Amino acid sequence: MPVAYVITEECVACGTCAEECPAEAIEEGEPYVINEEKCTECGSCFEVCPVEAIVEK
């Protein structure tokens, strides 16, 4: 099942989203990736991204 959020190419790989994710669903990459199996769609990552690289699908 697709998640509600996606990390775009605007990601600067700062790690803020991964640190805030309570489900540990964000994995390192270029850009970071949201693991669909772990994501609970809580929106924590969306709220904390300093460069607004996480958007709603």
N, C-alpha and C. Protein backbone atom coordinates (compact mmCIF):
# COMPACT_ATOMS: atom_id res chain seq x y z
N MET A 1 0.84 -1.18 0.00
CA MET A 1 0.00 0.00 0.00
C MET A 1 0.89 1.25 0.00
N PRO A 2 0.66 2.16 -0.92
CA PRO A 2 1.49 3.37 -0.97
C PRO A 2 1.27 4.25 0.26
N VAL A 3 2.32 4.94 0.67
CA VAL A 3 2.22 5.84 1.82
C VAL A 3 1.73 7.21 1.39
N ALA A 4 1.33 8.01 2.35
CA ALA A 4 0.77 9.33 2.06
C ALA A 4 1.82 10.36 1.71
N TYR A 5 3.09 10.08 2.05
CA TYR A 5 4.16 11.06 1.83
C TYR A 5 5.26 10.48 0.97
N VAL A 6 5.98 11.36 0.29
CA VAL A 6 7.11 10.94 -0.53
C VAL A 6 8.23 11.97 -0.33
N ILE A 7 9.48 11.49 -0.36
CA ILE A 7 10.63 12.38 -0.22
C ILE A 7 11.12 12.70 -1.63
N THR A 8 11.18 13.98 -1.96
CA THR A 8 11.54 14.42 -3.30
C THR A 8 13.05 14.59 -3.47
N GLU A 9 13.43 14.93 -4.67
CA GLU A 9 14.84 15.16 -5.00
C GLU A 9 15.40 16.39 -4.28
N GLU A 10 14.54 17.19 -3.68
CA GLU A 10 14.98 18.38 -2.94
C GLU A 10 15.68 17.99 -1.63
N CYS A 11 15.60 16.72 -1.24
CA CYS A 11 16.19 16.21 -0.01
C CYS A 11 17.69 16.49 0.03
N VAL A 12 18.15 17.04 1.17
CA VAL A 12 19.57 17.33 1.36
C VAL A 12 20.24 16.31 2.29
N ALA A 13 19.53 15.23 2.59
CA ALA A 13 20.04 14.13 3.41
C ALA A 13 20.55 14.59 4.77
N CYS A 14 19.81 15.48 5.42
CA CYS A 14 20.23 16.00 6.72
C CYS A 14 19.92 15.03 7.87
N GLY A 15 18.96 14.13 7.65
CA GLY A 15 18.63 13.14 8.66
C GLY A 15 17.57 13.56 9.67
N THR A 16 17.08 14.79 9.57
CA THR A 16 16.09 15.27 10.53
C THR A 16 14.84 14.40 10.52
N CYS A 17 14.37 14.03 9.36
CA CYS A 17 13.15 13.23 9.26
C CYS A 17 13.35 11.85 9.89
N ALA A 18 14.49 11.25 9.62
CA ALA A 18 14.77 9.91 10.17
C ALA A 18 14.83 9.93 11.69
N GLU A 19 15.39 11.00 12.24
CA GLU A 19 15.48 11.13 13.70
C GLU A 19 14.11 11.28 14.33
N GLU A 20 13.19 11.93 13.65
CA GLU A 20 11.86 12.19 14.19
C GLU A 20 10.85 11.07 13.96
N CYS A 21 11.13 10.18 13.03
CA CYS A 21 10.17 9.14 12.68
C CYS A 21 10.00 8.11 13.80
N PRO A 22 8.80 8.05 14.42
CA PRO A 22 8.59 7.10 15.52
C PRO A 22 8.56 5.64 15.06
N ALA A 23 8.32 5.41 13.77
CA ALA A 23 8.24 4.05 13.25
C ALA A 23 9.56 3.58 12.63
N GLU A 24 10.57 4.46 12.65
CA GLU A 24 11.87 4.16 12.03
C GLU A 24 11.69 3.71 10.58
N ALA A 25 10.82 4.42 9.86
CA ALA A 25 10.47 4.04 8.49
C ALA A 25 11.29 4.77 7.43
N ILE A 26 12.17 5.68 7.84
CA ILE A 26 12.93 6.44 6.85
C ILE A 26 14.35 5.88 6.75
N GLU A 27 14.72 5.54 5.52
CA GLU A 27 16.00 4.90 5.28
C GLU A 27 16.92 5.84 4.50
N GLU A 28 18.22 5.77 4.80
CA GLU A 28 19.20 6.62 4.13
C GLU A 28 19.27 6.28 2.65
N GLY A 29 19.51 7.31 1.88
CA GLY A 29 19.64 7.16 0.43
C GLY A 29 19.80 8.54 -0.17
N GLU A 30 19.78 8.62 -1.45
CA GLU A 30 19.88 9.91 -2.14
C GLU A 30 18.72 10.00 -3.11
N PRO A 31 17.58 10.55 -2.78
CA PRO A 31 17.24 11.08 -1.46
C PRO A 31 16.87 9.96 -0.48
N TYR A 32 16.60 10.35 0.76
CA TYR A 32 16.12 9.39 1.75
C TYR A 32 14.84 8.75 1.21
N VAL A 33 14.49 7.59 1.73
CA VAL A 33 13.33 6.85 1.25
C VAL A 33 12.44 6.47 2.43
N ILE A 34 11.13 6.53 2.22
CA ILE A 34 10.17 6.10 3.24
C ILE A 34 9.84 4.64 2.98
N ASN A 35 10.09 3.78 3.96
CA ASN A 35 9.78 2.36 3.85
C ASN A 35 8.27 2.20 4.03
N GLU A 36 7.59 1.80 2.96
CA GLU A 36 6.13 1.70 2.97
C GLU A 36 5.60 0.67 3.98
N GLU A 37 6.39 -0.36 4.27
CA GLU A 37 5.95 -1.38 5.21
C GLU A 37 5.97 -0.91 6.65
N LYS A 38 6.86 0.04 6.96
CA LYS A 38 6.99 0.53 8.34
C LYS A 38 6.20 1.82 8.59
N CYS A 39 5.97 2.62 7.56
CA CYS A 39 5.35 3.94 7.71
C CYS A 39 3.92 3.84 8.25
N THR A 40 3.63 4.68 9.25
CA THR A 40 2.29 4.74 9.82
C THR A 40 1.54 5.99 9.36
N GLU A 41 2.12 6.76 8.46
CA GLU A 41 1.53 7.96 7.90
C GLU A 41 1.19 9.00 8.96
N CYS A 42 2.05 9.12 9.98
CA CYS A 42 1.79 10.05 11.08
C CYS A 42 2.08 11.50 10.71
N GLY A 43 2.93 11.72 9.70
CA GLY A 43 3.24 13.08 9.26
C GLY A 43 4.39 13.75 9.99
N SER A 44 5.03 13.05 10.92
CA SER A 44 6.15 13.65 11.66
C SER A 44 7.26 14.11 10.72
N CYS A 45 7.58 13.33 9.74
CA CYS A 45 8.65 13.68 8.81
C CYS A 45 8.28 14.91 8.01
N PHE A 46 7.06 14.95 7.56
CA PHE A 46 6.56 16.08 6.77
C PHE A 46 6.67 17.39 7.55
N GLU A 47 6.35 17.33 8.83
CA GLU A 47 6.35 18.52 9.67
C GLU A 47 7.75 19.05 9.99
N VAL A 48 8.75 18.17 10.05
CA VAL A 48 10.09 18.61 10.49
C VAL A 48 11.09 18.87 9.37
N CYS A 49 10.80 18.52 8.15
CA CYS A 49 11.77 18.68 7.08
C CYS A 49 12.11 20.16 6.88
N PRO A 50 13.40 20.53 7.07
CA PRO A 50 13.79 21.93 6.98
C PRO A 50 13.79 22.51 5.55
N VAL A 51 13.80 21.64 4.55
CA VAL A 51 13.82 22.13 3.18
C VAL A 51 12.53 21.78 2.41
N GLU A 52 11.52 21.33 3.15
CA GLU A 52 10.21 20.97 2.59
C GLU A 52 10.33 19.98 1.43
N ALA A 53 11.20 18.98 1.63
CA ALA A 53 11.42 17.97 0.60
C ALA A 53 10.45 16.79 0.72
N ILE A 54 9.64 16.78 1.77
CA ILE A 54 8.66 15.71 1.95
C ILE A 54 7.30 16.30 1.63
N VAL A 55 6.63 15.66 0.68
CA VAL A 55 5.34 16.18 0.22
C VAL A 55 4.27 15.09 0.29
N GLU A 56 3.02 15.53 0.35
CA GLU A 56 1.92 14.59 0.33
C GLU A 56 1.73 14.09 -1.10
N LYS A 57 1.39 12.81 -1.21
CA LYS A 57 1.15 12.23 -2.54
C LYS A 57 -0.21 12.68 -3.04
